Amino acid sequence: MAVQSFGTLAAAHAVKPTGAGLETILYGGRKFTCRPDMARIFLKRAREVIESGDEQLVPLLHAGGIELLLVSRATPYSLVGPAGE
């Protein structure tokens, strides 16, 4: 049985940046293109962290791989809509 590293596994499941049906999240001056379901998961978890008054690293699976983004009340981020707009 072959064993894949987490990075290889994540890259295999990362979205391919075609633009169609993808969302863009702005965070820290960077744009992350991701599938709508991944955007919803990130936004839901970020909202939970902020509502609890906590500060945590929240994972985002996007076209370039996986990022752990620090989310707190002081962290600006936004969903800007479909990629390519």
N, C-alpha and C. Protein backbone atom coordinates (compact mmCIF):
# COMPACT_ATOMS: atom_id res chain seq x y z
N MET A 1 0.84 -1.17 0.00
CA MET A 1 0.00 0.00 0.00
C MET A 1 0.90 1.25 0.00
N ALA A 2 0.68 2.12 -0.95
CA ALA A 2 1.47 3.35 -1.06
C ALA A 2 0.98 4.37 -0.03
N VAL A 3 1.90 5.13 0.49
CA VAL A 3 1.56 6.16 1.47
C VAL A 3 1.83 7.52 0.83
N GLN A 4 0.83 8.40 0.89
CA GLN A 4 0.99 9.75 0.35
C GLN A 4 1.24 10.71 1.50
N SER A 5 2.10 11.68 1.26
CA SER A 5 2.28 12.71 2.27
C SER A 5 1.07 13.63 2.23
N PHE A 6 0.85 14.36 3.32
CA PHE A 6 -0.28 15.28 3.39
C PHE A 6 -0.22 16.32 2.28
N GLY A 7 0.98 16.83 1.98
CA GLY A 7 1.14 17.84 0.92
C GLY A 7 0.76 17.29 -0.44
N THR A 8 1.15 16.05 -0.73
CA THR A 8 0.80 15.43 -2.00
C THR A 8 -0.69 15.21 -2.09
N LEU A 9 -1.28 14.73 -1.00
CA LEU A 9 -2.71 14.49 -0.97
C LEU A 9 -3.48 15.79 -1.16
N ALA A 10 -3.05 16.85 -0.49
CA ALA A 10 -3.71 18.15 -0.60
C ALA A 10 -3.60 18.69 -2.02
N ALA A 11 -2.45 18.57 -2.63
CA ALA A 11 -2.26 19.06 -3.99
C ALA A 11 -3.13 18.30 -4.97
N ALA A 12 -3.33 17.02 -4.74
CA ALA A 12 -4.17 16.21 -5.63
C ALA A 12 -5.62 16.65 -5.57
N HIS A 13 -6.06 17.18 -4.42
CA HIS A 13 -7.45 17.59 -4.26
C HIS A 13 -7.66 19.09 -4.42
N ALA A 14 -6.60 19.84 -4.62
CA ALA A 14 -6.72 21.29 -4.80
C ALA A 14 -7.45 21.58 -6.10
N VAL A 15 -8.20 22.67 -6.10
CA VAL A 15 -8.96 23.03 -7.29
C VAL A 15 -8.03 23.55 -8.37
N LYS A 16 -8.40 23.32 -9.60
CA LYS A 16 -7.64 23.84 -10.73
C LYS A 16 -8.24 25.19 -11.10
N PRO A 17 -7.44 26.24 -11.23
CA PRO A 17 -7.94 27.59 -11.45
C PRO A 17 -8.46 27.83 -12.87
N THR A 18 -9.67 27.37 -13.15
CA THR A 18 -10.27 27.61 -14.46
C THR A 18 -11.15 28.84 -14.45
N GLY A 19 -11.60 29.26 -13.27
CA GLY A 19 -12.45 30.43 -13.16
C GLY A 19 -13.92 30.11 -13.11
N ALA A 20 -14.38 29.12 -13.85
CA ALA A 20 -15.80 28.79 -13.90
C ALA A 20 -16.24 28.11 -12.61
N GLY A 21 -17.23 28.70 -11.94
CA GLY A 21 -17.78 28.11 -10.73
C GLY A 21 -16.91 28.25 -9.50
N LEU A 22 -15.87 29.05 -9.56
CA LEU A 22 -14.97 29.23 -8.42
C LEU A 22 -15.25 30.55 -7.72
N GLU A 23 -14.88 30.62 -6.46
CA GLU A 23 -15.05 31.83 -5.65
C GLU A 23 -13.68 32.43 -5.34
N THR A 24 -13.66 33.71 -5.03
CA THR A 24 -12.42 34.38 -4.65
C THR A 24 -12.57 34.93 -3.24
N ILE A 25 -11.62 34.60 -2.39
CA ILE A 25 -11.57 35.14 -1.03
C ILE A 25 -10.36 36.06 -0.95
N LEU A 26 -10.58 37.28 -0.46
CA LEU A 26 -9.50 38.24 -0.23
C LEU A 26 -9.09 38.15 1.23
N TYR A 27 -7.79 38.04 1.47
CA TYR A 27 -7.27 37.96 2.83
C TYR A 27 -5.85 38.52 2.82
N GLY A 28 -5.61 39.51 3.64
CA GLY A 28 -4.26 40.06 3.79
C GLY A 28 -3.64 40.53 2.49
N GLY A 29 -4.42 41.10 1.60
CA GLY A 29 -3.89 41.58 0.33
C GLY A 29 -3.68 40.50 -0.71
N ARG A 30 -4.07 39.28 -0.40
CA ARG A 30 -3.92 38.16 -1.34
C ARG A 30 -5.29 37.68 -1.79
N LYS A 31 -5.34 37.10 -2.98
CA LYS A 31 -6.57 36.52 -3.51
C LYS A 31 -6.41 35.01 -3.55
N PHE A 32 -7.40 34.31 -3.00
CA PHE A 32 -7.42 32.86 -3.01
C PHE A 32 -8.62 32.40 -3.82
N THR A 33 -8.37 31.62 -4.87
CA THR A 33 -9.44 31.08 -5.70
C THR A 33 -9.75 29.68 -5.21
N CYS A 34 -11.03 29.44 -4.91
CA CYS A 34 -11.41 28.14 -4.36
C CYS A 34 -12.81 27.75 -4.82
N ARG A 35 -13.12 26.49 -4.62
CA ARG A 35 -14.46 26.00 -4.95
C ARG A 35 -15.45 26.62 -3.97
N PRO A 36 -16.71 26.78 -4.39
CA PRO A 36 -17.72 27.37 -3.50
C PRO A 36 -17.87 26.63 -2.18
N ASP A 37 -17.79 25.30 -2.20
CA ASP A 37 -17.93 24.56 -0.94
C ASP A 37 -16.76 24.83 0.00
N MET A 38 -15.57 24.98 -0.52
CA MET A 38 -14.40 25.29 0.31
C MET A 38 -14.51 26.71 0.88
N ALA A 39 -15.03 27.63 0.08
CA ALA A 39 -15.24 29.01 0.55
C ALA A 39 -16.25 29.02 1.69
N ARG A 40 -17.35 28.26 1.54
CA ARG A 40 -18.37 28.20 2.59
C ARG A 40 -17.80 27.62 3.88
N ILE A 41 -17.01 26.55 3.77
CA ILE A 41 -16.42 25.94 4.96
C ILE A 41 -15.50 26.93 5.67
N PHE A 42 -14.65 27.63 4.90
CA PHE A 42 -13.74 28.61 5.49
C PHE A 42 -14.54 29.73 6.17
N LEU A 43 -15.53 30.29 5.47
CA LEU A 43 -16.29 31.41 6.01
C LEU A 43 -17.08 31.00 7.26
N LYS A 44 -17.63 29.80 7.25
CA LYS A 44 -18.38 29.31 8.42
C LYS A 44 -17.47 29.20 9.63
N ARG A 45 -16.30 28.60 9.44
CA ARG A 45 -15.36 28.43 10.56
C ARG A 45 -14.83 29.78 11.03
N ALA A 46 -14.52 30.67 10.09
CA ALA A 46 -14.03 32.01 10.45
C ALA A 46 -15.09 32.75 11.27
N ARG A 47 -16.34 32.64 10.87
CA ARG A 47 -17.43 33.30 11.60
C ARG A 47 -17.53 32.74 13.02
N GLU A 48 -17.42 31.42 13.17
CA GLU A 48 -17.47 30.79 14.49
C GLU A 48 -16.34 31.30 15.38
N VAL A 49 -15.15 31.41 14.82
CA VAL A 49 -13.98 31.88 15.58
C VAL A 49 -14.21 33.31 16.05
N ILE A 50 -14.68 34.17 15.16
CA ILE A 50 -14.90 35.57 15.49
C ILE A 50 -16.01 35.73 16.53
N GLU A 51 -17.12 34.98 16.36
CA GLU A 51 -18.23 35.07 17.30
C GLU A 51 -17.83 34.61 18.70
N SER A 52 -16.88 33.69 18.78
CA SER A 52 -16.43 33.21 20.09
C SER A 52 -15.41 34.16 20.72
N GLY A 53 -14.97 35.17 19.96
CA GLY A 53 -13.97 36.12 20.45
C GLY A 53 -12.57 35.55 20.46
N ASP A 54 -12.39 34.45 19.75
CA ASP A 54 -11.12 33.73 19.74
C ASP A 54 -10.25 34.20 18.57
N GLU A 55 -9.08 33.63 18.49
CA GLU A 55 -8.13 33.86 17.39
C GLU A 55 -7.54 32.50 17.04
N GLN A 56 -7.74 32.04 15.79
CA GLN A 56 -7.28 30.71 15.40
C GLN A 56 -6.80 30.70 13.96
N LEU A 57 -6.01 29.67 13.64
CA LEU A 57 -5.65 29.40 12.25
C LEU A 57 -6.77 28.59 11.64
N VAL A 58 -7.31 29.08 10.53
CA VAL A 58 -8.41 28.40 9.85
C VAL A 58 -7.91 27.94 8.49
N PRO A 59 -8.08 26.66 8.17
CA PRO A 59 -7.58 26.16 6.88
C PRO A 59 -8.46 26.59 5.71
N LEU A 60 -7.82 26.85 4.58
CA LEU A 60 -8.52 27.15 3.34
C LEU A 60 -7.86 26.34 2.23
N LEU A 61 -8.63 25.45 1.62
CA LEU A 61 -8.16 24.69 0.47
C LEU A 61 -8.48 25.52 -0.77
N HIS A 62 -7.46 25.88 -1.53
CA HIS A 62 -7.65 26.75 -2.69
C HIS A 62 -6.84 26.22 -3.86
N ALA A 63 -6.85 26.95 -4.97
CA ALA A 63 -6.20 26.50 -6.20
C ALA A 63 -4.70 26.26 -6.02
N GLY A 64 -4.07 26.96 -5.10
CA GLY A 64 -2.63 26.81 -4.89
C GLY A 64 -2.26 25.81 -3.81
N GLY A 65 -3.24 25.21 -3.16
CA GLY A 65 -2.97 24.24 -2.10
C GLY A 65 -3.76 24.57 -0.85
N ILE A 66 -3.13 24.41 0.30
CA ILE A 66 -3.79 24.68 1.58
C ILE A 66 -3.05 25.81 2.28
N GLU A 67 -3.81 26.74 2.83
CA GLU A 67 -3.25 27.82 3.65
C GLU A 67 -3.92 27.77 5.02
N LEU A 68 -3.16 28.05 6.05
CA LEU A 68 -3.71 28.26 7.38
C LEU A 68 -3.73 29.77 7.59
N LEU A 69 -4.93 30.33 7.64
CA LEU A 69 -5.09 31.78 7.73
C LEU A 69 -5.51 32.16 9.15
N LEU A 70 -4.79 33.11 9.73
CA LEU A 70 -5.11 33.56 11.08
C LEU A 70 -6.38 34.40 11.02
N VAL A 71 -7.37 33.99 11.80
CA VAL A 71 -8.65 34.69 11.83
C VAL A 71 -8.89 35.21 13.24
N SER A 72 -9.23 36.49 13.32
CA SER A 72 -9.60 37.14 14.59
C SER A 72 -10.51 38.31 14.24
N ARG A 73 -10.98 38.99 15.27
CA ARG A 73 -11.83 40.16 15.03
C ARG A 73 -11.08 41.25 14.26
N ALA A 74 -9.77 41.29 14.37
CA ALA A 74 -8.97 42.33 13.72
C ALA A 74 -8.52 41.94 12.31
N THR A 75 -8.88 40.74 11.86
CA THR A 75 -8.41 40.25 10.56
C THR A 75 -9.44 40.56 9.47
N PRO A 76 -9.09 41.40 8.50
CA PRO A 76 -10.02 41.64 7.40
C PRO A 76 -9.94 40.53 6.34
N TYR A 77 -11.09 40.02 5.96
CA TYR A 77 -11.18 39.05 4.87
C TYR A 77 -12.55 39.22 4.25
N SER A 78 -12.70 38.80 3.01
CA SER A 78 -14.01 38.90 2.37
C SER A 78 -14.12 37.93 1.22
N LEU A 79 -15.35 37.56 0.94
CA LEU A 79 -15.67 36.77 -0.24
C LEU A 79 -16.09 37.78 -1.30
N VAL A 80 -15.35 37.83 -2.40
CA VAL A 80 -15.65 38.83 -3.43
C VAL A 80 -16.46 38.26 -4.57
N GLY A 81 -16.82 37.00 -4.49
CA GLY A 81 -17.68 36.41 -5.50
C GLY A 81 -16.94 35.52 -6.47
N PRO A 82 -17.61 35.22 -7.57
CA PRO A 82 -17.03 34.30 -8.55
C PRO A 82 -15.67 34.77 -9.06
N ALA A 83 -14.76 33.82 -9.22
CA ALA A 83 -13.42 34.13 -9.73
C ALA A 83 -13.53 34.64 -11.15
N GLY A 84 -12.68 35.56 -11.48
CA GLY A 84 -12.64 36.10 -12.83
C GLY A 84 -13.52 37.30 -13.04
N GLU A 85 -14.28 37.71 -12.01
CA GLU A 85 -15.12 38.90 -12.16
C GLU A 85 -14.40 40.14 -11.72
